[in-house]
């Protein structure tokens, strides 16, 4: 799974460079998020704009991450479209997770102006 990650003092953004978020690539997502929590920021944005397909394992992993992230941290999901957005609605995860149509909406204005650091694109298998 290829991920692009950038962060500033407040927010880490993990952008998926894949079309599918399915069982075969979930461990990569968990590793990337745990690394962001441990080494960078407390507020995580998952940018799913490229994702066209998500399965139950993908949804379950996102729920698990939201629980692991803790009380003083936030998980925001951005870029949902088409079938992926419908899956969040059918499972009613849209009622318990912080969902945003666009990446810009998921990042509070005061946190957008902070300088961003780009990590090298990672290809985690």
PDB file of N, CA and C in Angstrom:
ATOM      1  N   UNK A   1       0.853  -1.170   0.000  1.00  0.00           N
ATOM      2  CA  UNK A   1       0.000   0.000   0.000  1.00  0.00           C
ATOM      3  C   UNK A   1       0.893   1.225   0.000  1.00  0.00           C
ATOM      4  N   UNK A   2       0.635   2.141  -0.907  1.00  0.00           N
ATOM      5  CA  UNK A   2       1.421   3.365  -0.978  1.00  0.00           C
ATOM      6  C   UNK A   2       0.676   4.480  -0.251  1.00  0.00           C
ATOM      7  N   UNK A   3       1.385   5.145   0.649  1.00  0.00           N
ATOM      8  CA  UNK A   3       0.834   6.239   1.445  1.00  0.00           C
ATOM      9  C   UNK A   3       1.719   7.471   1.315  1.00  0.00           C
ATOM     10  N   UNK A   4       1.102   8.635   1.196  1.00  0.00           N
ATOM     11  CA  UNK A   4       1.815   9.900   1.301  1.00  0.00           C
ATOM     12  C   UNK A   4       1.409  10.518   2.632  1.00  0.00           C
ATOM     13  N   UNK A   5       2.383  10.957   3.388  1.00  0.00           N
ATOM     14  CA  UNK A   5       2.095  11.493   4.710  1.00  0.00           C
ATOM     15  C   UNK A   5       2.759  12.851   4.875  1.00  0.00           C
ATOM     16  N   UNK A   6       1.996  13.791   5.422  1.00  0.00           N
ATOM     17  CA  UNK A   6       2.574  15.072   5.800  1.00  0.00           C
ATOM     18  C   UNK A   6       2.001  15.468   7.150  1.00  0.00           C
ATOM     19  N   UNK A   7       2.742  16.313   7.854  1.00  0.00           N
ATOM     20  CA  UNK A   7       2.317  16.689   9.194  1.00  0.00           C
ATOM     21  C   UNK A   7       2.859  18.064   9.546  1.00  0.00           C
ATOM     22  N   UNK A   8       2.211  18.682  10.520  1.00  0.00           N
ATOM     23  CA  UNK A   8       2.725  19.896  11.140  1.00  0.00           C
ATOM     24  C   UNK A   8       2.626  19.678  12.643  1.00  0.00           C
ATOM     25  N   UNK A   9       2.701  20.725  13.423  1.00  0.00           N
ATOM     26  CA  UNK A   9       2.667  20.568  14.876  1.00  0.00           C
ATOM     27  C   UNK A   9       1.349  20.006  15.392  1.00  0.00           C
ATOM     28  N   UNK A  10       0.266  20.154  14.646  1.00  0.00           N
ATOM     29  CA  UNK A  10      -1.057  19.784  15.135  1.00  0.00           C
ATOM     30  C   UNK A  10      -1.692  18.594  14.428  1.00  0.00           C
ATOM     31  N   UNK A  11      -1.426  18.441  13.133  1.00  0.00           N
ATOM     32  CA  UNK A  11      -2.183  17.498  12.317  1.00  0.00           C
ATOM     33  C   UNK A  11      -1.253  16.639  11.472  1.00  0.00           C
ATOM     34  N   UNK A  12      -1.597  15.363  11.357  1.00  0.00           N
ATOM     35  CA  UNK A  12      -0.947  14.478  10.391  1.00  0.00           C
ATOM     36  C   UNK A  12      -1.984  14.075   9.359  1.00  0.00           C
ATOM     37  N   UNK A  13      -1.594  14.100   8.090  1.00  0.00           N
ATOM     38  CA  UNK A  13      -2.487  13.697   7.019  1.00  0.00           C
ATOM     39  C   UNK A  13      -1.897  12.466   6.347  1.00  0.00           C
ATOM     40  N   UNK A  14      -2.685  11.417   6.277  1.00  0.00           N
ATOM     41  CA  UNK A  14      -2.272  10.204   5.578  1.00  0.00           C
ATOM     42  C   UNK A  14      -3.147  10.092   4.340  1.00  0.00           C
ATOM     43  N   UNK A  15      -2.505  10.215   3.177  1.00  0.00           N
ATOM     44  CA  UNK A  15      -3.210  10.144   1.896  1.00  0.00           C
ATOM     45  C   UNK A  15      -2.946   8.780   1.267  1.00  0.00           C
ATOM     46  N   UNK A  16      -4.006   8.096   0.914  1.00  0.00           N
ATOM     47  CA  UNK A  16      -3.905   6.775   0.302  1.00  0.00           C
ATOM     48  C   UNK A  16      -3.743   6.917  -1.203  1.00  0.00           C
ATOM     49  N   UNK A  17      -2.713   6.321  -1.743  1.00  0.00           N
ATOM     50  CA  UNK A  17      -2.447   6.373  -3.179  1.00  0.00           C
ATOM     51  C   UNK A  17      -2.899   5.061  -3.832  1.00  0.00           C
ATOM     52  N   UNK A  18      -3.963   4.510  -3.341  1.00  0.00           N
ATOM     53  CA  UNK A  18      -4.510   3.247  -3.822  1.00  0.00           C
ATOM     54  C   UNK A  18      -5.984   3.438  -4.119  1.00  0.00           C
ATOM     55  N   UNK A  19      -6.571   2.505  -4.828  1.00  0.00           N
ATOM     56  CA  UNK A  19      -8.003   2.550  -5.142  1.00  0.00           C
ATOM     57  C   UNK A  19      -8.823   1.722  -4.162  1.00  0.00           C
ATOM     58  N   UNK A  20      -8.161   0.789  -3.454  1.00  0.00           N
ATOM     59  CA  UNK A  20      -8.890  -0.129  -2.568  1.00  0.00           C
ATOM     60  C   UNK A  20      -8.341  -0.067  -1.152  1.00  0.00           C
ATOM     61  N   UNK A  21      -9.254  -0.066  -0.200  1.00  0.00           N
ATOM     62  CA  UNK A  21      -8.913  -0.156   1.216  1.00  0.00           C
ATOM     63  C   UNK A  21      -9.569  -1.439   1.706  1.00  0.00           C
ATOM     64  N   UNK A  22      -8.821  -2.520   1.599  1.00  0.00           N
ATOM     65  CA  UNK A  22      -9.371  -3.855   1.852  1.00  0.00           C
ATOM     66  C   UNK A  22      -8.445  -4.646   2.767  1.00  0.00           C
ATOM     67  N   UNK A  23      -8.868  -5.842   3.130  1.00  0.00           N
ATOM     68  CA  UNK A  23      -8.162  -6.670   4.111  1.00  0.00           C
ATOM     69  C   UNK A  23      -6.674  -6.821   3.816  1.00  0.00           C
ATOM     70  N   UNK A  24      -6.309  -6.923   2.563  1.00  0.00           N
ATOM     71  CA  UNK A  24      -4.911  -7.182   2.225  1.00  0.00           C
ATOM     72  C   UNK A  24      -3.962  -6.036   2.535  1.00  0.00           C
ATOM     73  N   UNK A  25      -4.489  -4.826   2.751  1.00  0.00           N
ATOM     74  CA  UNK A  25      -3.570  -3.716   3.043  1.00  0.00           C
ATOM     75  C   UNK A  25      -3.856  -2.995   4.363  1.00  0.00           C
ATOM     76  N   UNK A  26      -4.575  -3.628   5.255  1.00  0.00           N
ATOM     77  CA  UNK A  26      -4.933  -2.987   6.522  1.00  0.00           C
ATOM     78  C   UNK A  26      -3.780  -2.869   7.496  1.00  0.00           C
ATOM     79  N   UNK A  27      -2.869  -3.816   7.502  1.00  0.00           N
ATOM     80  CA  UNK A  27      -1.755  -3.716   8.451  1.00  0.00           C
ATOM     81  C   UNK A  27      -0.906  -2.489   8.144  1.00  0.00           C
ATOM     82  N   UNK A  28      -0.779  -2.139   6.864  1.00  0.00           N
ATOM     83  CA  UNK A  28      -0.022  -0.942   6.493  1.00  0.00           C
ATOM     84  C   UNK A  28      -0.662   0.306   7.073  1.00  0.00           C
ATOM     85  N   UNK A  29      -1.967   0.372   7.027  1.00  0.00           N
ATOM     86  CA  UNK A  29      -2.680   1.529   7.587  1.00  0.00           C
ATOM     87  C   UNK A  29      -2.449   1.620   9.090  1.00  0.00           C
ATOM     88  N   UNK A  30      -2.569   0.522   9.787  1.00  0.00           N
ATOM     89  CA  UNK A  30      -2.377   0.537  11.237  1.00  0.00           C
ATOM     90  C   UNK A  30      -0.960   0.958  11.611  1.00  0.00           C
ATOM     91  N   UNK A  31       0.027   0.475  10.884  1.00  0.00           N
ATOM     92  CA  UNK A  31       1.418   0.844  11.146  1.00  0.00           C
ATOM     93  C   UNK A  31       1.616   2.342  10.931  1.00  0.00           C
ATOM     94  N   UNK A  32       1.092   2.866   9.834  1.00  0.00           N
ATOM     95  CA  UNK A  32       1.259   4.292   9.528  1.00  0.00           C
ATOM     96  C   UNK A  32       0.602   5.168  10.587  1.00  0.00           C
ATOM     97  N   UNK A  33      -0.599   4.823  11.015  1.00  0.00           N
ATOM     98  CA  UNK A  33      -1.306   5.631  12.009  1.00  0.00           C
ATOM     99  C   UNK A  33      -0.598   5.551  13.362  1.00  0.00           C
ATOM    100  N   UNK A  34      -0.189   4.370  13.763  1.00  0.00           N
ATOM    101  CA  UNK A  34       0.517   4.235  15.042  1.00  0.00           C
ATOM    102  C   UNK A  34       1.807   5.046  15.032  1.00  0.00           C
ATOM    103  N   UNK A  35       2.497   5.059  13.897  1.00  0.00           N
ATOM    104  CA  UNK A  35       3.716   5.861  13.777  1.00  0.00           C
ATOM    105  C   UNK A  35       3.410   7.348  13.932  1.00  0.00           C
ATOM    106  N   UNK A  36       2.328   7.807  13.314  1.00  0.00           N
ATOM    107  CA  UNK A  36       1.946   9.219  13.429  1.00  0.00           C
ATOM    108  C   UNK A  36       1.591   9.580  14.869  1.00  0.00           C
ATOM    109  N   UNK A  37       0.869   8.724  15.539  1.00  0.00           N
ATOM    110  CA  UNK A  37       0.483   8.981  16.921  1.00  0.00           C
ATOM    111  C   UNK A  37       1.722   9.017  17.818  1.00  0.00           C
ATOM    112  N   UNK A  38       2.611   8.081  17.624  1.00  0.00           N
ATOM    113  CA  UNK A  38       3.787   7.940  18.469  1.00  0.00           C
ATOM    114  C   UNK A  38       4.840   9.018  18.196  1.00  0.00           C
ATOM    115  N   UNK A  39       5.062   9.363  16.945  1.00  0.00           N
ATOM    116  CA  UNK A  39       6.205  10.202  16.604  1.00  0.00           C
ATOM    117  C   UNK A  39       5.880  11.599  16.116  1.00  0.00           C
ATOM    118  N   UNK A  40       4.629  11.882  15.814  1.00  0.00           N
ATOM    119  CA  UNK A  40       4.343  13.189  15.227  1.00  0.00           C
ATOM    120  C   UNK A  40       3.215  13.876  15.972  1.00  0.00           C
ATOM    121  N   UNK A  41       2.043  13.872  15.411  1.00  0.00           N
ATOM    122  CA  UNK A  41       0.948  14.639  15.986  1.00  0.00           C
ATOM    123  C   UNK A  41      -0.139  13.748  16.556  1.00  0.00           C
ATOM    124  N   UNK A  42      -1.047  14.371  17.264  1.00  0.00           N
ATOM    125  CA  UNK A  42      -2.142  13.647  17.896  1.00  0.00           C
ATOM    126  C   UNK A  42      -3.416  13.647  17.072  1.00  0.00           C
ATOM    127  N   UNK A  43      -3.498  14.529  16.096  1.00  0.00           N
ATOM    128  CA  UNK A  43      -4.716  14.649  15.295  1.00  0.00           C
ATOM    129  C   UNK A  43      -4.441  14.087  13.905  1.00  0.00           C
ATOM    130  N   UNK A  44      -5.161  13.051  13.559  1.00  0.00           N
ATOM    131  CA  UNK A  44      -4.921  12.313  12.323  1.00  0.00           C
ATOM    132  C   UNK A  44      -6.064  12.547  11.346  1.00  0.00           C
ATOM    133  N   UNK A  45      -5.709  12.843  10.089  1.00  0.00           N
ATOM    134  CA  UNK A  45      -6.696  12.929   9.016  1.00  0.00           C
ATOM    135  C   UNK A  45      -6.365  11.833   8.009  1.00  0.00           C
ATOM    136  N   UNK A  46      -7.330  10.964   7.764  1.00  0.00           N
ATOM    137  CA  UNK A  46      -7.183   9.954   6.717  1.00  0.00           C
ATOM    138  C   UNK A  46      -7.839  10.503   5.463  1.00  0.00           C
ATOM    139  N   UNK A  47      -7.048  10.732   4.439  1.00  0.00           N
ATOM    140  CA  UNK A  47      -7.553  11.258   3.175  1.00  0.00           C
ATOM    141  C   UNK A  47      -7.878  10.085   2.253  1.00  0.00           C
ATOM    142  N   UNK A  48      -9.170   9.805   2.101  1.00  0.00           N
ATOM    143  CA  UNK A  48      -9.622   8.663   1.313  1.00  0.00           C
ATOM    144  C   UNK A  48     -10.100   9.060  -0.083  1.00  0.00           C
ATOM    145  N   UNK A  49      -9.676  10.210  -0.579  1.00  0.00           N
ATOM    146  CA  UNK A  49     -10.167  10.714  -1.864  1.00  0.00           C
ATOM    147  C   UNK A  49      -9.901   9.759  -3.029  1.00  0.00           C
ATOM    148  N   UNK A  50      -8.825   9.000  -2.973  1.00  0.00           N
ATOM    149  CA  UNK A  50      -8.488   8.072  -4.062  1.00  0.00           C
ATOM    150  C   UNK A  50      -9.203   6.728  -3.938  1.00  0.00           C
ATOM    151  N   UNK A  51      -9.734   6.443  -2.762  1.00  0.00           N
ATOM    152  CA  UNK A  51     -10.328   5.128  -2.498  1.00  0.00           C
ATOM    153  C   UNK A  51     -11.672   4.997  -3.213  1.00  0.00           C
ATOM    154  N   UNK A  52     -11.806   3.924  -3.989  1.00  0.00           N
ATOM    155  CA  UNK A  52     -13.053   3.627  -4.692  1.00  0.00           C
ATOM    156  C   UNK A  52     -13.786   2.439  -4.080  1.00  0.00           C
ATOM    157  N   UNK A  53     -13.047   1.590  -3.357  1.00  0.00           N
ATOM    158  CA  UNK A  53     -13.618   0.385  -2.763  1.00  0.00           C
ATOM    159  C   UNK A  53     -13.111   0.222  -1.341  1.00  0.00           C
ATOM    160  N   UNK A  54     -14.038  -0.079  -0.429  1.00  0.00           N
ATOM    161  CA  UNK A  54     -13.670  -0.372   0.955  1.00  0.00           C
ATOM    162  C   UNK A  54     -14.484  -1.589   1.399  1.00  0.00           C
ATOM    163  N   UNK A  55     -13.853  -2.505   2.100  1.00  0.00           N
ATOM    164  CA  UNK A  55     -14.582  -3.675   2.582  1.00  0.00           C
ATOM    165  C   UNK A  55     -14.777  -3.586   4.097  1.00  0.00           C
ATOM    166  N   UNK A  56     -15.381  -4.610   4.659  1.00  0.00           N
ATOM    167  CA  UNK A  56     -15.682  -4.595   6.095  1.00  0.00           C
ATOM    168  C   UNK A  56     -14.415  -4.535   6.938  1.00  0.00           C
ATOM    169  N   UNK A  57     -13.345  -5.122   6.462  1.00  0.00           N
ATOM    170  CA  UNK A  57     -12.078  -5.061   7.194  1.00  0.00           C
ATOM    171  C   UNK A  57     -11.540  -3.639   7.200  1.00  0.00           C
ATOM    172  N   UNK A  58     -11.672  -2.943   6.095  1.00  0.00           N
ATOM    173  CA  UNK A  58     -11.254  -1.546   6.031  1.00  0.00           C
ATOM    174  C   UNK A  58     -12.049  -0.681   6.994  1.00  0.00           C
ATOM    175  N   UNK A  59     -13.361  -0.876   6.998  1.00  0.00           N
ATOM    176  CA  UNK A  59     -14.211  -0.122   7.929  1.00  0.00           C
ATOM    177  C   UNK A  59     -13.866  -0.471   9.378  1.00  0.00           C
ATOM    178  N   UNK A  60     -13.690  -1.750   9.645  1.00  0.00           N
ATOM    179  CA  UNK A  60     -13.357  -2.192  11.000  1.00  0.00           C
ATOM    180  C   UNK A  60     -12.032  -1.638  11.483  1.00  0.00           C
ATOM    181  N   UNK A  61     -11.066  -1.560  10.592  1.00  0.00           N
ATOM    182  CA  UNK A  61      -9.758  -1.010  10.952  1.00  0.00           C
ATOM    183  C   UNK A  61      -9.869   0.465  11.301  1.00  0.00           C
ATOM    184  N   UNK A  62     -10.665   1.204  10.540  1.00  0.00           N
ATOM    185  CA  UNK A  62     -10.858   2.625  10.833  1.00  0.00           C
ATOM    186  C   UNK A  62     -11.542   2.802  12.186  1.00  0.00           C
ATOM    187  N   UNK A  63     -12.524   1.965  12.492  1.00  0.00           N
ATOM    188  CA  UNK A  63     -13.183   2.020  13.805  1.00  0.00           C
ATOM    189  C   UNK A  63     -12.174   1.705  14.906  1.00  0.00           C
ATOM    190  N   UNK A  64     -11.360   0.699  14.694  1.00  0.00           N
ATOM    191  CA  UNK A  64     -10.340   0.320  15.672  1.00  0.00           C
ATOM    192  C   UNK A  64      -9.352   1.460  15.912  1.00  0.00           C
ATOM    193  N   UNK A  65      -8.934   2.112  14.850  1.00  0.00           N
ATOM    194  CA  UNK A  65      -8.019   3.250  14.977  1.00  0.00           C
ATOM    195  C   UNK A  65      -8.681   4.373  15.776  1.00  0.00           C
ATOM    196  N   UNK A  66      -9.962   4.613  15.512  1.00  0.00           N
ATOM    197  CA  UNK A  66     -10.656   5.687  16.234  1.00  0.00           C
ATOM    198  C   UNK A  66     -10.720   5.396  17.734  1.00  0.00           C
ATOM    199  N   UNK A  67     -10.794   4.130  18.095  1.00  0.00           N
ATOM    200  CA  UNK A  67     -10.790   3.759  19.517  1.00  0.00           C
ATOM    201  C   UNK A  67      -9.396   3.849  20.111  1.00  0.00           C
ATOM    202  N   UNK A  68      -8.390   3.461  19.348  1.00  0.00           N
ATOM    203  CA  UNK A  68      -7.004   3.465  19.826  1.00  0.00           C
ATOM    204  C   UNK A  68      -6.429   4.865  19.968  1.00  0.00           C
ATOM    205  N   UNK A  69      -6.997   5.805  19.282  1.00  0.00           N
ATOM    206  CA  UNK A  69      -6.407   7.135  19.189  1.00  0.00           C
ATOM    207  C   UNK A  69      -6.480   7.904  20.519  1.00  0.00           C
ATOM    208  N   UNK A  70      -7.412   7.580  21.365  1.00  0.00           N
ATOM    209  CA  UNK A  70      -7.471   8.187  22.694  1.00  0.00           C
ATOM    210  C   UNK A  70      -8.380   9.396  22.793  1.00  0.00           C
ATOM    211  N   UNK A  71      -8.575   9.830  24.026  1.00  0.00           N
ATOM    212  CA  UNK A  71      -9.524  10.908  24.313  1.00  0.00           C
ATOM    213  C   UNK A  71      -9.031  12.288  23.896  1.00  0.00           C
ATOM    214  N   UNK A  72      -7.750  12.548  23.998  1.00  0.00           N
ATOM    215  CA  UNK A  72      -7.222  13.882  23.706  1.00  0.00           C
ATOM    216  C   UNK A  72      -6.789  14.035  22.252  1.00  0.00           C
ATOM    217  N   UNK A  73      -7.165  13.091  21.431  1.00  0.00           N
ATOM    218  CA  UNK A  73      -6.765  13.088  20.026  1.00  0.00           C
ATOM    219  C   UNK A  73      -8.001  12.946  19.161  1.00  0.00           C
ATOM    220  N   UNK A  74      -7.857  13.276  17.888  1.00  0.00           N
ATOM    221  CA  UNK A  74      -8.991  13.135  16.982  1.00  0.00           C
ATOM    222  C   UNK A  74      -8.592  12.367  15.731  1.00  0.00           C
ATOM    223  N   UNK A  75      -9.587  11.697  15.174  1.00  0.00           N
ATOM    224  CA  UNK A  75      -9.446  11.048  13.882  1.00  0.00           C
ATOM    225  C   UNK A  75     -10.501  11.660  12.977  1.00  0.00           C
ATOM    226  N   UNK A  76     -10.052  12.156  11.842  1.00  0.00           N
ATOM    227  CA  UNK A  76     -10.963  12.746  10.864  1.00  0.00           C
ATOM    228  C   UNK A  76     -10.799  11.997   9.550  1.00  0.00           C
ATOM    229  N   UNK A  77     -11.912  11.714   8.913  1.00  0.00           N
ATOM    230  CA  UNK A  77     -11.908  10.999   7.640  1.00  0.00           C
ATOM    231  C   UNK A  77     -12.344  11.983   6.561  1.00  0.00           C
ATOM    232  N   UNK A  78     -11.515  12.152   5.531  1.00  0.00           N
ATOM    233  CA  UNK A  78     -11.820  13.140   4.490  1.00  0.00           C
ATOM    234  C   UNK A  78     -11.850  12.500   3.110  1.00  0.00           C
ATOM    235  N   UNK A  79     -12.556  13.163   2.208  1.00  0.00           N
ATOM    236  CA  UNK A  79     -12.545  12.770   0.810  1.00  0.00           C
ATOM    237  C   UNK A  79     -13.441  11.611   0.444  1.00  0.00           C
ATOM    238  N   UNK A  80     -14.434  11.336   1.263  1.00  0.00           N
ATOM    239  CA  UNK A  80     -15.332  10.220   0.946  1.00  0.00           C
ATOM    240  C   UNK A  80     -16.173  10.549  -0.273  1.00  0.00           C
ATOM    241  N   UNK A  81     -16.298   9.591  -1.158  1.00  0.00           N
ATOM    242  CA  UNK A  81     -17.132   9.784  -2.332  1.00  0.00           C
ATOM    243  C   UNK A  81     -17.746   8.463  -2.793  1.00  0.00           C
ATOM    244  N   UNK A  82     -18.799   8.558  -3.559  1.00  0.00           N
ATOM    245  CA  UNK A  82     -19.411   7.395  -4.196  1.00  0.00           C
ATOM    246  C   UNK A  82     -19.734   6.249  -3.259  1.00  0.00           C
ATOM    247  N   UNK A  83     -19.298   5.062  -3.658  1.00  0.00           N
ATOM    248  CA  UNK A  83     -19.596   3.845  -2.900  1.00  0.00           C
ATOM    249  C   UNK A  83     -18.992   3.850  -1.504  1.00  0.00           C
ATOM    250  N   UNK A  84     -17.843   4.471  -1.372  1.00  0.00           N
ATOM    251  CA  UNK A  84     -17.179   4.504  -0.063  1.00  0.00           C
ATOM    252  C   UNK A  84     -18.029   5.305   0.925  1.00  0.00           C
ATOM    253  N   UNK A  85     -18.504   6.450   0.509  1.00  0.00           N
ATOM    254  CA  UNK A  85     -19.366   7.260   1.370  1.00  0.00           C
ATOM    255  C   UNK A  85     -20.634   6.494   1.723  1.00  0.00           C
ATOM    256  N   UNK A  86     -21.186   5.786   0.753  1.00  0.00           N
ATOM    257  CA  UNK A  86     -22.398   4.999   0.967  1.00  0.00           C
ATOM    258  C   UNK A  86     -22.155   3.894   2.011  1.00  0.00           C
ATOM    259  N   UNK A  87     -20.984   3.280   1.982  1.00  0.00           N
ATOM    260  CA  UNK A  87     -20.658   2.239   2.970  1.00  0.00           C
ATOM    261  C   UNK A  87     -20.641   2.814   4.388  1.00  0.00           C
ATOM    262  N   UNK A  88     -20.095   4.008   4.554  1.00  0.00           N
ATOM    263  CA  UNK A  88     -20.094   4.642   5.870  1.00  0.00           C
ATOM    264  C   UNK A  88     -21.519   4.966   6.312  1.00  0.00           C
ATOM    265  N   UNK A  89     -22.377   5.329   5.372  1.00  0.00           N
ATOM    266  CA  UNK A  89     -23.767   5.642   5.710  1.00  0.00           C
ATOM    267  C   UNK A  89     -24.561   4.377   6.028  1.00  0.00           C
ATOM    268  N   UNK A  90     -24.398   3.333   5.234  1.00  0.00           N
ATOM    269  CA  UNK A  90     -25.126   2.073   5.451  1.00  0.00           C
ATOM    270  C   UNK A  90     -24.782   1.481   6.814  1.00  0.00           C
ATOM    271  N   UNK A  91     -23.512   1.541   7.172  1.00  0.00           N
ATOM    272  CA  UNK A  91     -23.068   0.987   8.455  1.00  0.00           C
ATOM    273  C   UNK A  91     -23.255   1.962   9.612  1.00  0.00           C
ATOM    274  N   UNK A  92     -23.746   3.153   9.287  1.00  0.00           N
ATOM    275  CA  UNK A  92     -23.990   4.221  10.253  1.00  0.00           C
ATOM    276  C   UNK A  92     -22.724   4.737  10.939  1.00  0.00           C
ATOM    277  N   UNK A  93     -21.603   4.476  10.330  1.00  0.00           N
ATOM    278  CA  UNK A  93     -20.357   5.019  10.863  1.00  0.00           C
ATOM    279  C   UNK A  93     -20.290   6.522  10.673  1.00  0.00           C
ATOM    280  N   UNK A  94     -21.101   7.037   9.757  1.00  0.00           N
ATOM    281  CA  UNK A  94     -21.156   8.495   9.574  1.00  0.00           C
ATOM    282  C   UNK A  94     -21.701   9.195  10.808  1.00  0.00           C
ATOM    283  N   UNK A  95     -22.321   8.440  11.698  1.00  0.00           N
ATOM    284  CA  UNK A  95     -22.869   9.017  12.931  1.00  0.00           C
ATOM    285  C   UNK A  95     -21.874   9.021  14.090  1.00  0.00           C
ATOM    286  N   UNK A  96     -20.825   8.218  13.982  1.00  0.00           N
ATOM    287  CA  UNK A  96     -19.876   8.107  15.096  1.00  0.00           C
ATOM    288  C   UNK A  96     -18.467   8.577  14.757  1.00  0.00           C
ATOM    289  N   UNK A  97     -18.175   8.738  13.474  1.00  0.00           N
ATOM    290  CA  UNK A  97     -16.857   9.206  13.058  1.00  0.00           C
ATOM    291  C   UNK A  97     -16.965  10.630  12.521  1.00  0.00           C
ATOM    292  N   UNK A  98     -15.858  11.333  12.531  1.00  0.00           N
ATOM    293  CA  UNK A  98     -15.794  12.692  11.994  1.00  0.00           C
ATOM    294  C   UNK A  98     -15.501  12.614  10.501  1.00  0.00           C
ATOM    295  N   UNK A  99     -16.543  12.770   9.674  1.00  0.00           N
ATOM    296  CA  UNK A  99     -16.409  12.644   8.226  1.00  0.00           C
ATOM    297  C   UNK A  99     -16.514  14.002   7.543  1.00  0.00           C
ATOM    298  N   UNK A 100     -15.688  14.193   6.514  1.00  0.00           N
ATOM    299  CA  UNK A 100     -15.664  15.445   5.761  1.00  0.00           C
ATOM    300  C   UNK A 100     -15.589  15.118   4.272  1.00  0.00           C
ATOM    301  N   UNK A 101     -16.305  15.883   3.473  1.00  0.00           N
ATOM    302  CA  UNK A 101     -16.291  15.651   2.029  1.00  0.00           C
ATOM    303  C   UNK A 101     -14.940  15.975   1.412  1.00  0.00           C
ATOM    304  N   UNK A 102     -14.291  17.034   1.911  1.00  0.00           N
ATOM    305  CA  UNK A 102     -13.015  17.463   1.350  1.00  0.00           C
ATOM    306  C   UNK A 102     -11.947  17.541   2.425  1.00  0.00           C
ATOM    307  N   UNK A 103     -10.721  17.348   2.027  1.00  0.00           N
ATOM    308  CA  UNK A 103      -9.585  17.398   2.949  1.00  0.00           C
ATOM    309  C   UNK A 103      -9.515  18.739   3.670  1.00  0.00           C
ATOM    310  N   UNK A 104      -9.721  19.817   2.940  1.00  0.00           N
ATOM    311  CA  UNK A 104      -9.624  21.154   3.530  1.00  0.00           C
ATOM    312  C   UNK A 104     -10.606  21.337   4.685  1.00  0.00           C
ATOM    313  N   UNK A 105     -11.770  20.717   4.579  1.00  0.00           N
ATOM    314  CA  UNK A 105     -12.780  20.826   5.638  1.00  0.00           C
ATOM    315  C   UNK A 105     -12.373  20.086   6.902  1.00  0.00           C
ATOM    316  N   UNK A 106     -11.530  19.083   6.761  1.00  0.00           N
ATOM    317  CA  UNK A 106     -11.117  18.269   7.903  1.00  0.00           C
ATOM    318  C   UNK A 106     -10.019  18.920   8.731  1.00  0.00           C
ATOM    319  N   UNK A 107      -9.404  19.956   8.191  1.00  0.00           N
ATOM    320  CA  UNK A 107      -8.313  20.632   8.895  1.00  0.00           C
ATOM    321  C   UNK A 107      -8.793  22.000   9.345  1.00  0.00           C
ATOM    322  N   UNK A 108      -8.877  22.238  10.657  1.00  0.00           N
ATOM    323  CA  UNK A 108      -9.297  23.558  11.139  1.00  0.00           C
ATOM    324  C   UNK A 108      -8.406  24.661  10.573  1.00  0.00           C
ATOM    325  N   UNK A 109      -9.012  25.800  10.319  1.00  0.00           N
ATOM    326  CA  UNK A 109      -8.331  26.914   9.658  1.00  0.00           C
ATOM    327  C   UNK A 109      -7.024  27.293  10.343  1.00  0.00           C
ATOM    328  N   UNK A 110      -7.017  27.383  11.659  1.00  0.00           N
ATOM    329  CA  UNK A 110      -5.799  27.802  12.362  1.00  0.00           C
ATOM    330  C   UNK A 110      -4.678  26.770  12.232  1.00  0.00           C
ATOM    331  N   UNK A 111      -5.005  25.536  11.908  1.00  0.00           N
ATOM    332  CA  UNK A 111      -3.979  24.511  11.750  1.00  0.00           C
ATOM    333  C   UNK A 111      -3.477  24.412  10.310  1.00  0.00           C
ATOM    334  N   UNK A 112      -4.164  25.024   9.374  1.00  0.00           N
ATOM    335  CA  UNK A 112      -3.745  24.992   7.970  1.00  0.00           C
ATOM    336  C   UNK A 112      -2.550  25.893   7.716  1.00  0.00           C
ATOM    337  N   UNK A 113      -2.374  26.921   8.531  1.00  0.00           N
ATOM    338  CA  UNK A 113      -1.317  27.896   8.279  1.00  0.00           C
ATOM    339  C   UNK A 113       0.032  27.472   8.835  1.00  0.00           C
ATOM    340  N   UNK A 114       0.045  26.464   9.682  1.00  0.00           N
ATOM    341  CA  UNK A 114       1.308  25.986  10.222  1.00  0.00           C
ATOM    342  C   UNK A 114       2.120  25.326   9.104  1.00  0.00           C
ATOM    343  N   UNK A 115       3.459  25.416   9.152  1.00  0.00           N
ATOM    344  CA  UNK A 115       4.272  24.794   8.098  1.00  0.00           C
ATOM    345  C   UNK A 115       4.135  23.267   8.107  1.00  0.00           C
ATOM    346  N   UNK A 116       4.083  22.694   6.903  1.00  0.00           N
ATOM    347  CA  UNK A 116       3.933  21.245   6.744  1.00  0.00           C
ATOM    348  C   UNK A 116       5.282  20.603   6.465  1.00  0.00           C
ATOM    349  N   UNK A 117       5.466  19.419   7.015  1.00  0.00           N
ATOM    350  CA  UNK A 117       6.643  18.605   6.714  1.00  0.00           C
ATOM    351  C   UNK A 117       6.140  17.400   5.930  1.00  0.00           C
ATOM    352  N   UNK A 118       6.812  17.062   4.867  1.00  0.00           N
ATOM    353  CA  UNK A 118       6.420  15.932   4.036  1.00  0.00           C
ATOM    354  C   UNK A 118       7.319  14.765   4.341  1.00  0.00           C
ATOM    355  N   UNK A 119       6.740  13.616   4.636  1.00  0.00           N
ATOM    356  CA  UNK A 119       7.528  12.402   4.756  1.00  0.00           C
ATOM    357  C   UNK A 119       7.630  11.797   3.380  1.00  0.00           C
ATOM    358  N   UNK A 120       8.652  10.998   3.166  1.00  0.00           N
ATOM    359  CA  UNK A 120       8.767  10.313   1.883  1.00  0.00           C
ATOM    360  C   UNK A 120       7.561   9.396   1.708  1.00  0.00           C
ATOM    361  N   UNK A 121       7.103   9.274   0.482  1.00  0.00           N
ATOM    362  CA  UNK A 121       6.020   8.348   0.199  1.00  0.00           C
ATOM    363  C   UNK A 121       6.478   6.960   0.604  1.00  0.00           C
ATOM    364  N   UNK A 122       5.636   6.271   1.317  1.00  0.00           N
ATOM    365  CA  UNK A 122       5.985   4.936   1.760  1.00  0.00           C
ATOM    366  C   UNK A 122       5.150   3.897   1.059  1.00  0.00           C
ATOM    367  N   UNK A 123       5.770   2.799   0.774  1.00  0.00           N
ATOM    368  CA  UNK A 123       5.081   1.667   0.169  1.00  0.00           C
ATOM    369  C   UNK A 123       5.193   0.534   1.161  1.00  0.00           C
ATOM    370  N   UNK A 124       4.120   0.340   1.933  1.00  0.00           N
ATOM    371  CA  UNK A 124       4.142  -0.641   3.012  1.00  0.00           C
ATOM    372  C   UNK A 124       3.353  -1.858   2.581  1.00  0.00           C
ATOM    373  N   UNK A 125       3.944  -3.006   2.726  1.00  0.00           N
ATOM    374  CA  UNK A 125       3.236  -4.263   2.407  1.00  0.00           C
ATOM    375  C   UNK A 125       3.040  -5.086   3.644  1.00  0.00           C
TER     376      UNK A 125
END
